[in-house]
Amino acid sequence: MVGLGAALFSLLLHWALVRWTDREVSFSMRKVSWKRVRELAGFSFYVYLSTTGDHLRFYTDSLVIGRVLDVLW
């Protein structure tokens, strides 16, 4: 719940800063291009795969070391 609250606060803060910087920025569902939404979803899928790969690369060694030390002791 704290993470969700922080994310919502961050979203509102960013929106306020964008509006403060450029008063003409607006959001409307009529302006949404579904082609662009699909493009962003496809991009975010590859970002997710890349992030998952980084987590596996950097944190798998801890699991291996923990397993080996458990076996040795």
PDB file of N, CA and C in Angstrom:
ATOM      1  N   MET A   1       0.820  -1.194   0.000  1.00  0.00           N
ATOM      2  CA  MET A   1       0.000   0.000   0.000  1.00  0.00           C
ATOM      3  C   MET A   1       0.870   1.267   0.000  1.00  0.00           C
ATOM      4  N   VAL A   2       1.997   1.200   0.698  1.00  0.00           N
ATOM      5  CA  VAL A   2       2.891   2.357   0.727  1.00  0.00           C
ATOM      6  C   VAL A   2       3.479   2.594  -0.658  1.00  0.00           C
ATOM      7  N   GLY A   3       3.863   1.513  -1.341  1.00  0.00           N
ATOM      8  CA  GLY A   3       4.398   1.636  -2.698  1.00  0.00           C
ATOM      9  C   GLY A   3       3.382   2.231  -3.660  1.00  0.00           C
ATOM     10  N   LEU A   4       2.134   1.786  -3.552  1.00  0.00           N
ATOM     11  CA  LEU A   4       1.075   2.325  -4.400  1.00  0.00           C
ATOM     12  C   LEU A   4       0.847   3.802  -4.107  1.00  0.00           C
ATOM     13  N   GLY A   5       0.824   4.156  -2.832  1.00  0.00           N
ATOM     14  CA  GLY A   5       0.652   5.558  -2.455  1.00  0.00           C
ATOM     15  C   GLY A   5       1.793   6.428  -2.977  1.00  0.00           C
ATOM     16  N   ALA A   6       3.021   5.927  -2.868  1.00  0.00           N
ATOM     17  CA  ALA A   6       4.174   6.685  -3.363  1.00  0.00           C
ATOM     18  C   ALA A   6       4.116   6.835  -4.880  1.00  0.00           C
ATOM     19  N   ALA A   7       3.693   5.787  -5.581  1.00  0.00           N
ATOM     20  CA  ALA A   7       3.585   5.862  -7.039  1.00  0.00           C
ATOM     21  C   ALA A   7       2.516   6.866  -7.455  1.00  0.00           C
ATOM     22  N   LEU A   8       1.376   6.872  -6.777  1.00  0.00           N
ATOM     23  CA  LEU A   8       0.324   7.832  -7.100  1.00  0.00           C
ATOM     24  C   LEU A   8       0.764   9.264  -6.796  1.00  0.00           C
ATOM     25  N   PHE A   9       1.436   9.457  -5.668  1.00  0.00           N
ATOM     26  CA  PHE A   9       1.955  10.784  -5.334  1.00  0.00           C
ATOM     27  C   PHE A   9       2.955  11.244  -6.388  1.00  0.00           C
ATOM     28  N   SER A  10       3.838  10.345  -6.815  1.00  0.00           N
ATOM     29  CA  SER A  10       4.830  10.672  -7.836  1.00  0.00           C
ATOM     30  C   SER A  10       4.150  11.032  -9.153  1.00  0.00           C
ATOM     31  N   LEU A  11       3.113  10.276  -9.525  1.00  0.00           N
ATOM     32  CA  LEU A  11       2.390  10.565 -10.753  1.00  0.00           C
ATOM     33  C   LEU A  11       1.755  11.949 -10.702  1.00  0.00           C
ATOM     34  N   LEU A  12       1.105  12.271  -9.592  1.00  0.00           N
ATOM     35  CA  LEU A  12       0.480  13.583  -9.457  1.00  0.00           C
ATOM     36  C   LEU A  12       1.517  14.709  -9.445  1.00  0.00           C
ATOM     37  N   LEU A  13       2.638  14.474  -8.799  1.00  0.00           N
ATOM     38  CA  LEU A  13       3.699  15.484  -8.759  1.00  0.00           C
ATOM     39  C   LEU A  13       4.262  15.726 -10.157  1.00  0.00           C
ATOM     40  N   HIS A  14       4.516  14.651 -10.896  1.00  0.00           N
ATOM     41  CA  HIS A  14       5.026  14.805 -12.258  1.00  0.00           C
ATOM     42  C   HIS A  14       4.025  15.539 -13.140  1.00  0.00           C
ATOM     43  N   TRP A  15       2.734  15.186 -13.019  1.00  0.00           N
ATOM     44  CA  TRP A  15       1.714  15.860 -13.812  1.00  0.00           C
ATOM     45  C   TRP A  15       1.670  17.351 -13.476  1.00  0.00           C
ATOM     46  N   ALA A  16       1.767  17.687 -12.188  1.00  0.00           N
ATOM     47  CA  ALA A  16       1.749  19.095 -11.786  1.00  0.00           C
ATOM     48  C   ALA A  16       2.970  19.836 -12.340  1.00  0.00           C
ATOM     49  N   LEU A  17       4.124  19.200 -12.328  1.00  0.00           N
ATOM     50  CA  LEU A  17       5.325  19.844 -12.854  1.00  0.00           C
ATOM     51  C   LEU A  17       5.246  20.034 -14.365  1.00  0.00           C
ATOM     52  N   VAL A  18       4.686  19.057 -15.068  1.00  0.00           N
ATOM     53  CA  VAL A  18       4.514  19.199 -16.515  1.00  0.00           C
ATOM     54  C   VAL A  18       3.543  20.335 -16.814  1.00  0.00           C
ATOM     55  N   ARG A  19       2.431  20.390 -16.086  1.00  0.00           N
ATOM     56  CA  ARG A  19       1.452  21.458 -16.291  1.00  0.00           C
ATOM     57  C   ARG A  19       2.050  22.825 -15.942  1.00  0.00           C
ATOM     58  N   TRP A  20       2.909  22.879 -14.943  1.00  0.00           N
ATOM     59  CA  TRP A  20       3.544  24.125 -14.554  1.00  0.00           C
ATOM     60  C   TRP A  20       4.503  24.594 -15.653  1.00  0.00           C
ATOM     61  N   THR A  21       5.189  23.630 -16.281  1.00  0.00           N
ATOM     62  CA  THR A  21       6.145  23.950 -17.336  1.00  0.00           C
ATOM     63  C   THR A  21       5.444  24.365 -18.626  1.00  0.00           C
ATOM     64  N   ASP A  22       4.381  23.637 -18.992  1.00  0.00           N
ATOM     65  CA  ASP A  22       3.673  23.904 -20.246  1.00  0.00           C
ATOM     66  C   ASP A  22       2.176  23.880 -19.983  1.00  0.00           C
ATOM     67  N   ARG A  23       1.572  25.036 -19.912  1.00  0.00           N
ATOM     68  CA  ARG A  23       0.147  25.158 -19.577  1.00  0.00           C
ATOM     69  C   ARG A  23      -0.766  24.564 -20.647  1.00  0.00           C
ATOM     70  N   GLU A  24      -0.290  24.396 -21.869  1.00  0.00           N
ATOM     71  CA  GLU A  24      -1.139  23.923 -22.950  1.00  0.00           C
ATOM     72  C   GLU A  24      -1.209  22.406 -23.057  1.00  0.00           C
ATOM     73  N   VAL A  25      -0.512  21.695 -22.210  1.00  0.00           N
ATOM     74  CA  VAL A  25      -0.552  20.237 -22.232  1.00  0.00           C
ATOM     75  C   VAL A  25      -1.922  19.783 -21.745  1.00  0.00           C
ATOM     76  N   SER A  26      -2.506  18.851 -22.484  1.00  0.00           N
ATOM     77  CA  SER A  26      -3.810  18.329 -22.073  1.00  0.00           C
ATOM     78  C   SER A  26      -3.851  16.820 -22.318  1.00  0.00           C
ATOM     79  N   PHE A  27      -4.741  16.163 -21.606  1.00  0.00           N
ATOM     80  CA  PHE A  27      -4.925  14.726 -21.771  1.00  0.00           C
ATOM     81  C   PHE A  27      -6.377  14.481 -22.145  1.00  0.00           C
ATOM     82  N   SER A  28      -6.566  13.750 -23.224  1.00  0.00           N
ATOM     83  CA  SER A  28      -7.915  13.424 -23.662  1.00  0.00           C
ATOM     84  C   SER A  28      -7.885  12.031 -24.286  1.00  0.00           C
ATOM     85  N   MET A  29      -8.863  11.215 -23.940  1.00  0.00           N
ATOM     86  CA  MET A  29      -8.934   9.871 -24.518  1.00  0.00           C
ATOM     87  C   MET A  29      -9.171   9.925 -26.030  1.00  0.00           C
ATOM     88  N   ARG A  30      -9.734  11.021 -26.531  1.00  0.00           N
ATOM     89  CA  ARG A  30      -9.947  11.161 -27.970  1.00  0.00           C
ATOM     90  C   ARG A  30      -8.630  11.284 -28.724  1.00  0.00           C
ATOM     91  N   LYS A  31      -7.597  11.753 -28.042  1.00  0.00           N
ATOM     92  CA  LYS A  31      -6.300  11.931 -28.684  1.00  0.00           C
ATOM     93  C   LYS A  31      -5.426  10.677 -28.636  1.00  0.00           C
ATOM     94  N   VAL A  32      -5.901   9.629 -27.985  1.00  0.00           N
ATOM     95  CA  VAL A  32      -5.113   8.406 -27.838  1.00  0.00           C
ATOM     96  C   VAL A  32      -5.117   7.640 -29.153  1.00  0.00           C
ATOM     97  N   SER A  33      -3.937   7.288 -29.610  1.00  0.00           N
ATOM     98  CA  SER A  33      -3.791   6.479 -30.815  1.00  0.00           C
ATOM     99  C   SER A  33      -3.518   5.038 -30.384  1.00  0.00           C
ATOM    100  N   TRP A  34      -4.409   4.141 -30.761  1.00  0.00           N
ATOM    101  CA  TRP A  34      -4.247   2.748 -30.350  1.00  0.00           C
ATOM    102  C   TRP A  34      -3.024   2.117 -30.999  1.00  0.00           C
ATOM    103  N   LYS A  35      -2.632   2.621 -32.156  1.00  0.00           N
ATOM    104  CA  LYS A  35      -1.396   2.147 -32.785  1.00  0.00           C
ATOM    105  C   LYS A  35      -0.200   2.473 -31.877  1.00  0.00           C
ATOM    106  N   ARG A  36      -0.203   3.686 -31.324  1.00  0.00           N
ATOM    107  CA  ARG A  36       0.890   4.091 -30.432  1.00  0.00           C
ATOM    108  C   ARG A  36       0.858   3.320 -29.118  1.00  0.00           C
ATOM    109  N   VAL A  37      -0.350   3.007 -28.621  1.00  0.00           N
ATOM    110  CA  VAL A  37      -0.483   2.215 -27.392  1.00  0.00           C
ATOM    111  C   VAL A  37       0.108   0.830 -27.602  1.00  0.00           C
ATOM    112  N   ARG A  38      -0.183   0.206 -28.743  1.00  0.00           N
ATOM    113  CA  ARG A  38       0.399  -1.111 -29.048  1.00  0.00           C
ATOM    114  C   ARG A  38       1.916  -1.025 -29.161  1.00  0.00           C
ATOM    115  N   GLU A  39       2.407   0.055 -29.771  1.00  0.00           N
ATOM    116  CA  GLU A  39       3.848   0.246 -29.900  1.00  0.00           C
ATOM    117  C   GLU A  39       4.509   0.363 -28.529  1.00  0.00           C
ATOM    118  N   LEU A  40       3.913   1.139 -27.638  1.00  0.00           N
ATOM    119  CA  LEU A  40       4.460   1.300 -26.287  1.00  0.00           C
ATOM    120  C   LEU A  40       4.393   0.001 -25.495  1.00  0.00           C
ATOM    121  N   ALA A  41       3.290  -0.749 -25.672  1.00  0.00           N
ATOM    122  CA  ALA A  41       3.168  -2.033 -24.971  1.00  0.00           C
ATOM    123  C   ALA A  41       4.230  -3.004 -25.453  1.00  0.00           C
ATOM    124  N   GLY A  42       4.479  -3.030 -26.759  1.00  0.00           N
ATOM    125  CA  GLY A  42       5.531  -3.898 -27.288  1.00  0.00           C
ATOM    126  C   GLY A  42       6.902  -3.512 -26.763  1.00  0.00           C
ATOM    127  N   PHE A  43       7.175  -2.216 -26.704  1.00  0.00           N
ATOM    128  CA  PHE A  43       8.442  -1.739 -26.171  1.00  0.00           C
ATOM    129  C   PHE A  43       8.593  -2.107 -24.708  1.00  0.00           C
ATOM    130  N   SER A  44       7.526  -1.917 -23.931  1.00  0.00           N
ATOM    131  CA  SER A  44       7.630  -2.200 -22.499  1.00  0.00           C
ATOM    132  C   SER A  44       7.811  -3.691 -22.241  1.00  0.00           C
ATOM    133  N   PHE A  45       7.328  -4.553 -23.139  1.00  0.00           N
ATOM    134  CA  PHE A  45       7.563  -5.988 -22.998  1.00  0.00           C
ATOM    135  C   PHE A  45       9.056  -6.283 -23.093  1.00  0.00           C
ATOM    136  N   TYR A  46       9.748  -5.669 -24.067  1.00  0.00           N
ATOM    137  CA  TYR A  46      11.186  -5.901 -24.212  1.00  0.00           C
ATOM    138  C   TYR A  46      11.980  -5.281 -23.062  1.00  0.00           C
ATOM    139  N   VAL A  47      11.521  -4.163 -22.536  1.00  0.00           N
ATOM    140  CA  VAL A  47      12.168  -3.569 -21.364  1.00  0.00           C
ATOM    141  C   VAL A  47      12.009  -4.503 -20.168  1.00  0.00           C
ATOM    142  N   TYR A  48      10.823  -5.092 -20.019  1.00  0.00           N
ATOM    143  CA  TYR A  48      10.586  -6.058 -18.936  1.00  0.00           C
ATOM    144  C   TYR A  48      11.528  -7.250 -19.070  1.00  0.00           C
ATOM    145  N   LEU A  49      11.674  -7.783 -20.276  1.00  0.00           N
ATOM    146  CA  LEU A  49      12.592  -8.910 -20.476  1.00  0.00           C
ATOM    147  C   LEU A  49      14.033  -8.521 -20.141  1.00  0.00           C
ATOM    148  N   SER A  50      14.435  -7.340 -20.537  1.00  0.00           N
ATOM    149  CA  SER A  50      15.789  -6.875 -20.256  1.00  0.00           C
ATOM    150  C   SER A  50      16.013  -6.710 -18.753  1.00  0.00           C
ATOM    151  N   THR A  51      15.053  -6.131 -18.059  1.00  0.00           N
ATOM    152  CA  THR A  51      15.162  -5.945 -16.615  1.00  0.00           C
ATOM    153  C   THR A  51      15.197  -7.285 -15.892  1.00  0.00           C
ATOM    154  N   THR A  52      14.371  -8.217 -16.334  1.00  0.00           N
ATOM    155  CA  THR A  52      14.369  -9.551 -15.734  1.00  0.00           C
ATOM    156  C   THR A  52      15.718 -10.229 -15.950  1.00  0.00           C
ATOM    157  N   GLY A  53      16.275 -10.084 -17.135  1.00  0.00           N
ATOM    158  CA  GLY A  53      17.602 -10.642 -17.406  1.00  0.00           C
ATOM    159  C   GLY A  53      18.670 -10.037 -16.520  1.00  0.00           C
ATOM    160  N   ASP A  54      18.615  -8.728 -16.313  1.00  0.00           N
ATOM    161  CA  ASP A  54      19.583  -8.074 -15.419  1.00  0.00           C
ATOM    162  C   ASP A  54      19.450  -8.590 -13.992  1.00  0.00           C
ATOM    163  N   HIS A  55      18.220  -8.757 -13.518  1.00  0.00           N
ATOM    164  CA  HIS A  55      18.024  -9.291 -12.164  1.00  0.00           C
ATOM    165  C   HIS A  55      18.586 -10.702 -12.060  1.00  0.00           C
ATOM    166  N   LEU A  56      18.339 -11.515 -13.044  1.00  0.00           N
ATOM    167  CA  LEU A  56      18.888 -12.873 -13.016  1.00  0.00           C
ATOM    168  C   LEU A  56      20.409 -12.850 -13.038  1.00  0.00           C
ATOM    169  N   ARG A  57      20.963 -11.968 -13.855  1.00  0.00           N
ATOM    170  CA  ARG A  57      22.418 -11.896 -13.976  1.00  0.00           C
ATOM    171  C   ARG A  57      23.069 -11.435 -12.683  1.00  0.00           C
ATOM    172  N   PHE A  58      22.490 -10.441 -12.017  1.00  0.00           N
ATOM    173  CA  PHE A  58      23.130  -9.865 -10.838  1.00  0.00           C
ATOM    174  C   PHE A  58      22.792 -10.579  -9.535  1.00  0.00           C
ATOM    175  N   TYR A  59      21.672 -11.300  -9.453  1.00  0.00           N
ATOM    176  CA  TYR A  59      21.266 -11.894  -8.187  1.00  0.00           C
ATOM    177  C   TYR A  59      21.354 -13.410  -8.146  1.00  0.00           C
ATOM    178  N   THR A  60      21.612 -14.045  -9.283  1.00  0.00           N
ATOM    179  CA  THR A  60      21.740 -15.492  -9.290  1.00  0.00           C
ATOM    180  C   THR A  60      22.996 -15.929  -8.536  1.00  0.00           C
ATOM    181  N   ASP A  61      24.054 -15.143  -8.607  1.00  0.00           N
ATOM    182  CA  ASP A  61      25.281 -15.513  -7.903  1.00  0.00           C
ATOM    183  C   ASP A  61      25.057 -15.614  -6.400  1.00  0.00           C
ATOM    184  N   SER A  62      24.217 -14.769  -5.840  1.00  0.00           N
ATOM    185  CA  SER A  62      23.921 -14.855  -4.410  1.00  0.00           C
ATOM    186  C   SER A  62      23.226 -16.165  -4.074  1.00  0.00           C
ATOM    187  N   LEU A  63      22.326 -16.596  -4.929  1.00  0.00           N
ATOM    188  CA  LEU A  63      21.655 -17.874  -4.706  1.00  0.00           C
ATOM    189  C   LEU A  63      22.634 -19.040  -4.782  1.00  0.00           C
ATOM    190  N   VAL A  64      23.524 -18.980  -5.757  1.00  0.00           N
ATOM    191  CA  VAL A  64      24.514 -20.056  -5.907  1.00  0.00           C
ATOM    192  C   VAL A  64      25.454 -20.092  -4.702  1.00  0.00           C
ATOM    193  N   ILE A  65      25.952 -18.946  -4.280  1.00  0.00           N
ATOM    194  CA  ILE A  65      26.854 -18.887  -3.129  1.00  0.00           C
ATOM    195  C   ILE A  65      26.140 -19.382  -1.884  1.00  0.00           C
ATOM    196  N   GLY A  66      24.901 -18.943  -1.688  1.00  0.00           N
ATOM    197  CA  GLY A  66      24.136 -19.414  -0.533  1.00  0.00           C
ATOM    198  C   GLY A  66      23.929 -20.914  -0.554  1.00  0.00           C
ATOM    199  N   ARG A  67      23.667 -21.456  -1.709  1.00  0.00           N
ATOM    200  CA  ARG A  67      23.470 -22.910  -1.833  1.00  0.00           C
ATOM    201  C   ARG A  67      24.761 -23.656  -1.550  1.00  0.00           C
ATOM    202  N   VAL A  68      25.888 -23.165  -2.083  1.00  0.00           N
ATOM    203  CA  VAL A  68      27.171 -23.831  -1.872  1.00  0.00           C
ATOM    204  C   VAL A  68      27.568 -23.759  -0.395  1.00  0.00           C
ATOM    205  N   LEU A  69      27.405 -22.606   0.240  1.00  0.00           N
ATOM    206  CA  LEU A  69      27.759 -22.502   1.652  1.00  0.00           C
ATOM    207  C   LEU A  69      26.872 -23.379   2.523  1.00  0.00           C
ATOM    208  N   ASP A  70      25.642 -23.539   2.154  1.00  0.00           N
ATOM    209  CA  ASP A  70      24.747 -24.404   2.900  1.00  0.00           C
ATOM    210  C   ASP A  70      25.197 -25.863   2.783  1.00  0.00           C
ATOM    211  N   VAL A  71      25.664 -26.242   1.610  1.00  0.00           N
ATOM    212  CA  VAL A  71      26.131 -27.602   1.400  1.00  0.00           C
ATOM    213  C   VAL A  71      27.422 -27.855   2.167  1.00  0.00           C
ATOM    214  N   LEU A  72      28.327 -26.887   2.205  1.00  0.00           N
ATOM    215  CA  LEU A  72      29.611 -27.055   2.863  1.00  0.00           C
ATOM    216  C   LEU A  72      29.487 -27.077   4.383  1.00  0.00           C
ATOM    217  N   TRP A  73      28.533 -26.377   4.939  1.00  0.00           N
ATOM    218  CA  TRP A  73      28.415 -26.332   6.382  1.00  0.00           C
ATOM    219  C   TRP A  73      27.590 -27.477   6.814  1.00  0.00           C
TER     220      TRP A  73
END
